[in-house]
Amino acid sequence: MSSDVQGRALAVLNRVAQAHWPDRLKLRQPFEKLIYTGSRASFRAAAQRAGKVAKLPRPVDPDALFDLSLSDEQQMLVEMLEAFASEVLRPLAHDADEQAVLPAALLNQAHELGLTHYAVSEAQGGMAGERTTLSNALIAEALGKGDLSLAAALLLGQCGAASALVAGLCR
């Protein structure tokens, strides 16, 4: 990985670390965990692409049951989005339902949270390491704990267009 790319990545991480919205939403700790895990994985992936780190295969145990536990990244994502759902979506749900309007401030918060980036893989400039049905379901479930209609609106509005673009790019 060139120093120019590293410099840009560190500049982005520095800017993200100075953001005030995680403190306003009381999501600083899970947000920092997510950023740490994501940046660590990104730098490892970049080093592997450069051939500097050998990727070791996962050990296979034929007698073991398959593992249903979430990865650390998935667990942090769920915790962060559940907190967002309970602290932001739930209080807005009644008024949004009554007025049949999705608040613009909520769209801005979802954008600041980076919700759109989870629909786009890292290879295409997003945050999703590996785009899986499980991760998409975890995001929808976590947001649905705040309010299902607002969660659906955010997922359709924020991730629908990104998913369509990614699907078109992957052909």
C-alpha atoms as a PDB file:
ATOM      1  CA  MET A   1       0.000   0.000   0.000  1.00  0.00           C
ATOM      2  CA  SER A   2       1.467   3.331  -0.962  1.00  0.00           C
ATOM      3  CA  SER A   3       2.062   6.038   1.607  1.00  0.00           C
ATOM      4  CA  ASP A   4      -0.319   8.337  -0.319  1.00  0.00           C
ATOM      5  CA  VAL A   5      -3.217   5.889   0.178  1.00  0.00           C
ATOM      6  CA  GLN A   6      -2.265   5.392   3.817  1.00  0.00           C
ATOM      7  CA  GLY A   7      -2.156   9.151   4.329  1.00  0.00           C
ATOM      8  CA  ARG A   8      -5.612   9.596   2.836  1.00  0.00           C
ATOM      9  CA  ALA A   9      -7.014   6.752   4.926  1.00  0.00           C
ATOM     10  CA  LEU A  10      -5.524   8.198   8.104  1.00  0.00           C
ATOM     11  CA  ALA A  11      -6.852  11.663   7.217  1.00  0.00           C
ATOM     12  CA  VAL A  12     -10.350  10.205   6.829  1.00  0.00           C
ATOM     13  CA  LEU A  13     -10.025   8.336  10.144  1.00  0.00           C
ATOM     14  CA  ASN A  14      -8.855  11.541  11.831  1.00  0.00           C
ATOM     15  CA  ARG A  15     -11.857  13.452  10.472  1.00  0.00           C
ATOM     16  CA  VAL A  16     -14.246  10.692  11.573  1.00  0.00           C
ATOM     17  CA  ALA A  17     -12.682  10.657  15.051  1.00  0.00           C
ATOM     18  CA  GLN A  18     -13.403  14.379  15.401  1.00  0.00           C
ATOM     19  CA  ALA A  19     -17.095  13.999  14.494  1.00  0.00           C
ATOM     20  CA  HIS A  20     -19.548  15.170  17.155  1.00  0.00           C
ATOM     21  CA  TRP A  21     -22.643  13.167  16.141  1.00  0.00           C
ATOM     22  CA  PRO A  22     -21.565   9.929  17.922  1.00  0.00           C
ATOM     23  CA  ASP A  23     -21.435  11.875  21.179  1.00  0.00           C
ATOM     24  CA  ARG A  24     -24.848  13.463  20.540  1.00  0.00           C
ATOM     25  CA  LEU A  25     -26.335  10.009  19.896  1.00  0.00           C
ATOM     26  CA  LYS A  26     -24.339   8.443  22.743  1.00  0.00           C
ATOM     27  CA  LEU A  27     -22.761   6.023  20.277  1.00  0.00           C
ATOM     28  CA  ARG A  28     -19.097   6.990  20.669  1.00  0.00           C
ATOM     29  CA  GLN A  29     -17.844   3.678  22.089  1.00  0.00           C
ATOM     30  CA  PRO A  30     -19.559   1.287  19.620  1.00  0.00           C
ATOM     31  CA  PHE A  31     -18.759   3.681  16.752  1.00  0.00           C
ATOM     32  CA  GLU A  32     -15.068   3.708  17.665  1.00  0.00           C
ATOM     33  CA  LYS A  33     -15.048  -0.090  17.921  1.00  0.00           C
ATOM     34  CA  LEU A  34     -16.612  -0.340  14.474  1.00  0.00           C
ATOM     35  CA  ILE A  35     -14.126   2.138  12.982  1.00  0.00           C
ATOM     36  CA  TYR A  36     -11.205   0.339  14.649  1.00  0.00           C
ATOM     37  CA  THR A  37     -12.275  -3.083  13.407  1.00  0.00           C
ATOM     38  CA  GLY A  38     -13.067  -1.803   9.929  1.00  0.00           C
ATOM     39  CA  SER A  39      -9.804   0.099   9.547  1.00  0.00           C
ATOM     40  CA  ARG A  40      -7.793  -2.840  10.886  1.00  0.00           C
ATOM     41  CA  ALA A  41      -9.474  -5.182   8.410  1.00  0.00           C
ATOM     42  CA  SER A  42      -8.981  -2.689   5.559  1.00  0.00           C
ATOM     43  CA  PHE A  43      -5.276  -2.264   6.248  1.00  0.00           C
ATOM     44  CA  ARG A  44      -4.857  -6.049   6.519  1.00  0.00           C
ATOM     45  CA  ALA A  45      -6.688  -6.551   3.231  1.00  0.00           C
ATOM     46  CA  ALA A  46      -4.525  -3.932   1.549  1.00  0.00           C
ATOM     47  CA  ALA A  47      -1.381  -5.587   2.897  1.00  0.00           C
ATOM     48  CA  GLN A  48      -2.596  -8.977   1.676  1.00  0.00           C
ATOM     49  CA  ARG A  49      -3.261  -7.538  -1.781  1.00  0.00           C
ATOM     50  CA  ALA A  50       0.277  -6.219  -1.789  1.00  0.00           C
ATOM     51  CA  GLY A  51       1.482  -9.735  -0.933  1.00  0.00           C
ATOM     52  CA  LYS A  52       3.010  -8.775   2.407  1.00  0.00           C
ATOM     53  CA  VAL A  53       0.831 -10.979   4.621  1.00  0.00           C
ATOM     54  CA  ALA A  54      -0.008 -14.585   3.874  1.00  0.00           C
ATOM     55  CA  LYS A  55      -3.661 -15.422   4.391  1.00  0.00           C
ATOM     56  CA  LEU A  56      -3.977 -18.491   6.541  1.00  0.00           C
ATOM     57  CA  PRO A  57      -6.840 -20.889   5.843  1.00  0.00           C
ATOM     58  CA  ARG A  58      -9.439 -21.378   8.537  1.00  0.00           C
ATOM     59  CA  PRO A  59      -8.814 -24.645  10.417  1.00  0.00           C
ATOM     60  CA  VAL A  60     -11.425 -27.281   9.658  1.00  0.00           C
ATOM     61  CA  ASP A  61     -12.812 -29.485  12.416  1.00  0.00           C
ATOM     62  CA  PRO A  62     -15.050 -32.143  10.862  1.00  0.00           C
ATOM     63  CA  ASP A  63     -16.585 -33.030  14.240  1.00  0.00           C
ATOM     64  CA  ALA A  64     -17.508 -29.457  15.167  1.00  0.00           C
ATOM     65  CA  LEU A  65     -20.941 -27.972  14.614  1.00  0.00           C
ATOM     66  CA  PHE A  66     -21.196 -24.934  12.369  1.00  0.00           C
ATOM     67  CA  ASP A  67     -20.823 -21.638  14.156  1.00  0.00           C
ATOM     68  CA  LEU A  68     -23.868 -19.351  14.311  1.00  0.00           C
ATOM     69  CA  SER A  69     -22.190 -16.591  16.314  1.00  0.00           C
ATOM     70  CA  LEU A  70     -21.762 -13.134  14.815  1.00  0.00           C
ATOM     71  CA  SER A  71     -18.392 -11.751  13.816  1.00  0.00           C
ATOM     72  CA  ASP A  72     -16.995  -8.914  15.934  1.00  0.00           C
ATOM     73  CA  GLU A  73     -17.822  -6.446  13.150  1.00  0.00           C
ATOM     74  CA  GLN A  74     -21.404  -7.718  12.894  1.00  0.00           C
ATOM     75  CA  GLN A  75     -21.858  -7.594  16.664  1.00  0.00           C
ATOM     76  CA  MET A  76     -20.588  -3.991  16.870  1.00  0.00           C
ATOM     77  CA  LEU A  77     -22.796  -2.996  13.951  1.00  0.00           C
ATOM     78  CA  VAL A  78     -25.857  -4.507  15.642  1.00  0.00           C
ATOM     79  CA  GLU A  79     -25.078  -2.784  18.968  1.00  0.00           C
ATOM     80  CA  MET A  80     -24.553   0.584  17.281  1.00  0.00           C
ATOM     81  CA  LEU A  81     -27.740   0.359  15.198  1.00  0.00           C
ATOM     82  CA  GLU A  82     -29.853  -0.899  18.105  1.00  0.00           C
ATOM     83  CA  ALA A  83     -28.736   2.116  20.144  1.00  0.00           C
ATOM     84  CA  PHE A  84     -29.584   4.397  17.192  1.00  0.00           C
ATOM     85  CA  ALA A  85     -32.975   2.707  16.850  1.00  0.00           C
ATOM     86  CA  SER A  86     -33.906   3.072  20.511  1.00  0.00           C
ATOM     87  CA  GLU A  87     -32.538   6.600  20.977  1.00  0.00           C
ATOM     88  CA  VAL A  88     -33.489   8.143  17.621  1.00  0.00           C
ATOM     89  CA  LEU A  89     -36.052   6.087  15.696  1.00  0.00           C
ATOM     90  CA  ARG A  90     -38.366   5.139  18.552  1.00  0.00           C
ATOM     91  CA  PRO A  91     -38.961   8.737  19.767  1.00  0.00           C
ATOM     92  CA  LEU A  92     -39.705   9.908  16.193  1.00  0.00           C
ATOM     93  CA  ALA A  93     -41.969   7.000  15.269  1.00  0.00           C
ATOM     94  CA  HIS A  94     -45.336   8.251  16.506  1.00  0.00           C
ATOM     95  CA  ASP A  95     -45.117  11.725  14.951  1.00  0.00           C
ATOM     96  CA  ALA A  96     -43.700  10.367  11.682  1.00  0.00           C
ATOM     97  CA  ASP A  97     -46.520   7.833  11.506  1.00  0.00           C
ATOM     98  CA  GLU A  98     -49.185  10.400  12.306  1.00  0.00           C
ATOM     99  CA  GLN A  99     -47.874  12.907   9.748  1.00  0.00           C
ATOM    100  CA  ALA A 100     -46.937  10.201   7.181  1.00  0.00           C
ATOM    101  CA  VAL A 101     -43.589  11.934   6.685  1.00  0.00           C
ATOM    102  CA  LEU A 102     -40.006  10.772   7.016  1.00  0.00           C
ATOM    103  CA  PRO A 103     -38.181  13.567   8.882  1.00  0.00           C
ATOM    104  CA  ALA A 104     -35.343  15.125   6.877  1.00  0.00           C
ATOM    105  CA  ALA A 105     -33.223  15.285  10.038  1.00  0.00           C
ATOM    106  CA  LEU A 106     -33.529  11.497  10.347  1.00  0.00           C
ATOM    107  CA  LEU A 107     -32.289  11.048   6.787  1.00  0.00           C
ATOM    108  CA  ASN A 108     -29.306  13.259   7.610  1.00  0.00           C
ATOM    109  CA  GLN A 109     -28.563  11.258  10.759  1.00  0.00           C
ATOM    110  CA  ALA A 110     -28.766   7.981   8.845  1.00  0.00           C
ATOM    111  CA  HIS A 111     -26.405   9.408   6.243  1.00  0.00           C
ATOM    112  CA  GLU A 112     -23.981  10.590   8.969  1.00  0.00           C
ATOM    113  CA  LEU A 113     -24.171   7.121  10.495  1.00  0.00           C
ATOM    114  CA  GLY A 114     -22.959   5.736   7.177  1.00  0.00           C
ATOM    115  CA  LEU A 115     -25.967   3.522   6.577  1.00  0.00           C
ATOM    116  CA  THR A 116     -25.631   3.868   2.809  1.00  0.00           C
ATOM    117  CA  HIS A 117     -22.059   2.619   2.872  1.00  0.00           C
ATOM    118  CA  TYR A 118     -23.061  -0.776   4.270  1.00  0.00           C
ATOM    119  CA  ALA A 119     -24.827  -1.634   1.021  1.00  0.00           C
ATOM    120  CA  VAL A 120     -21.615  -1.081  -0.935  1.00  0.00           C
ATOM    121  CA  SER A 121     -18.600  -3.383  -0.666  1.00  0.00           C
ATOM    122  CA  GLU A 122     -15.144  -2.079   0.280  1.00  0.00           C
ATOM    123  CA  ALA A 123     -13.934  -2.830  -3.247  1.00  0.00           C
ATOM    124  CA  GLN A 124     -16.442  -0.281  -4.557  1.00  0.00           C
ATOM    125  CA  GLY A 125     -15.761   2.361  -1.902  1.00  0.00           C
ATOM    126  CA  GLY A 126     -18.273   1.342   0.774  1.00  0.00           C
ATOM    127  CA  MET A 127     -17.949  -0.181   4.229  1.00  0.00           C
ATOM    128  CA  ALA A 128     -19.327  -3.677   3.696  1.00  0.00           C
ATOM    129  CA  GLY A 129     -16.428  -6.110   3.912  1.00  0.00           C
ATOM    130  CA  GLU A 130     -18.413  -8.954   2.477  1.00  0.00           C
ATOM    131  CA  ARG A 131     -21.943  -8.262   1.358  1.00  0.00           C
ATOM    132  CA  THR A 132     -24.046 -10.960   2.942  1.00  0.00           C
ATOM    133  CA  THR A 133     -27.705 -11.584   3.423  1.00  0.00           C
ATOM    134  CA  LEU A 134     -27.018 -12.057   7.126  1.00  0.00           C
ATOM    135  CA  SER A 135     -25.473  -8.590   7.517  1.00  0.00           C
ATOM    136  CA  ASN A 136     -28.369  -7.012   5.624  1.00  0.00           C
ATOM    137  CA  ALA A 137     -30.856  -8.862   7.848  1.00  0.00           C
ATOM    138  CA  LEU A 138     -28.980  -7.803  11.002  1.00  0.00           C
ATOM    139  CA  ILE A 139     -29.121  -4.157   9.933  1.00  0.00           C
ATOM    140  CA  ALA A 140     -32.853  -4.372   9.199  1.00  0.00           C
ATOM    141  CA  GLU A 141     -33.576  -6.183  12.468  1.00  0.00           C
ATOM    142  CA  ALA A 142     -31.571  -3.732  14.586  1.00  0.00           C
ATOM    143  CA  LEU A 143     -33.261  -0.700  13.013  1.00  0.00           C
ATOM    144  CA  GLY A 144     -36.663  -2.388  13.224  1.00  0.00           C
ATOM    145  CA  LYS A 145     -36.346  -2.477  17.001  1.00  0.00           C
ATOM    146  CA  GLY A 146     -36.828   1.304  16.943  1.00  0.00           C
ATOM    147  CA  ASP A 147     -39.665   1.415  14.419  1.00  0.00           C
ATOM    148  CA  LEU A 148     -40.265  -0.899  11.493  1.00  0.00           C
ATOM    149  CA  SER A 149     -41.777   1.682   9.139  1.00  0.00           C
ATOM    150  CA  LEU A 150     -38.949   4.187   9.682  1.00  0.00           C
ATOM    151  CA  ALA A 151     -36.398   1.384   9.369  1.00  0.00           C
ATOM    152  CA  ALA A 152     -37.940   0.262   6.081  1.00  0.00           C
ATOM    153  CA  ALA A 153     -37.971   3.828   4.783  1.00  0.00           C
ATOM    154  CA  LEU A 154     -34.309   4.300   5.698  1.00  0.00           C
ATOM    155  CA  LEU A 155     -33.282   0.986   4.204  1.00  0.00           C
ATOM    156  CA  LEU A 156     -35.198   1.543   0.983  1.00  0.00           C
ATOM    157  CA  GLY A 157     -34.195   5.171   0.631  1.00  0.00           C
ATOM    158  CA  GLN A 158     -30.602   4.906   1.759  1.00  0.00           C
ATOM    159  CA  CYS A 159     -29.617   1.413   0.653  1.00  0.00           C
ATOM    160  CA  GLY A 160     -31.990   0.760  -2.230  1.00  0.00           C
ATOM    161  CA  ALA A 161     -30.232   3.034  -4.687  1.00  0.00           C
ATOM    162  CA  ALA A 162     -26.798   1.888  -3.552  1.00  0.00           C
ATOM    163  CA  SER A 163     -27.813  -1.758  -3.934  1.00  0.00           C
ATOM    164  CA  ALA A 164     -29.143  -1.113  -7.439  1.00  0.00           C
ATOM    165  CA  LEU A 165     -25.921   0.626  -8.440  1.00  0.00           C
ATOM    166  CA  VAL A 166     -23.762  -2.134  -6.973  1.00  0.00           C
ATOM    167  CA  ALA A 167     -25.814  -4.817  -8.698  1.00  0.00           C
ATOM    168  CA  GLY A 168     -25.305  -2.982 -11.990  1.00  0.00           C
ATOM    169  CA  LEU A 169     -21.550  -2.642 -11.404  1.00  0.00           C
ATOM    170  CA  CYS A 170     -21.117  -6.294 -10.543  1.00  0.00           C
ATOM    171  CA  ARG A 171     -22.466  -7.593 -13.881  1.00  0.00           C
END
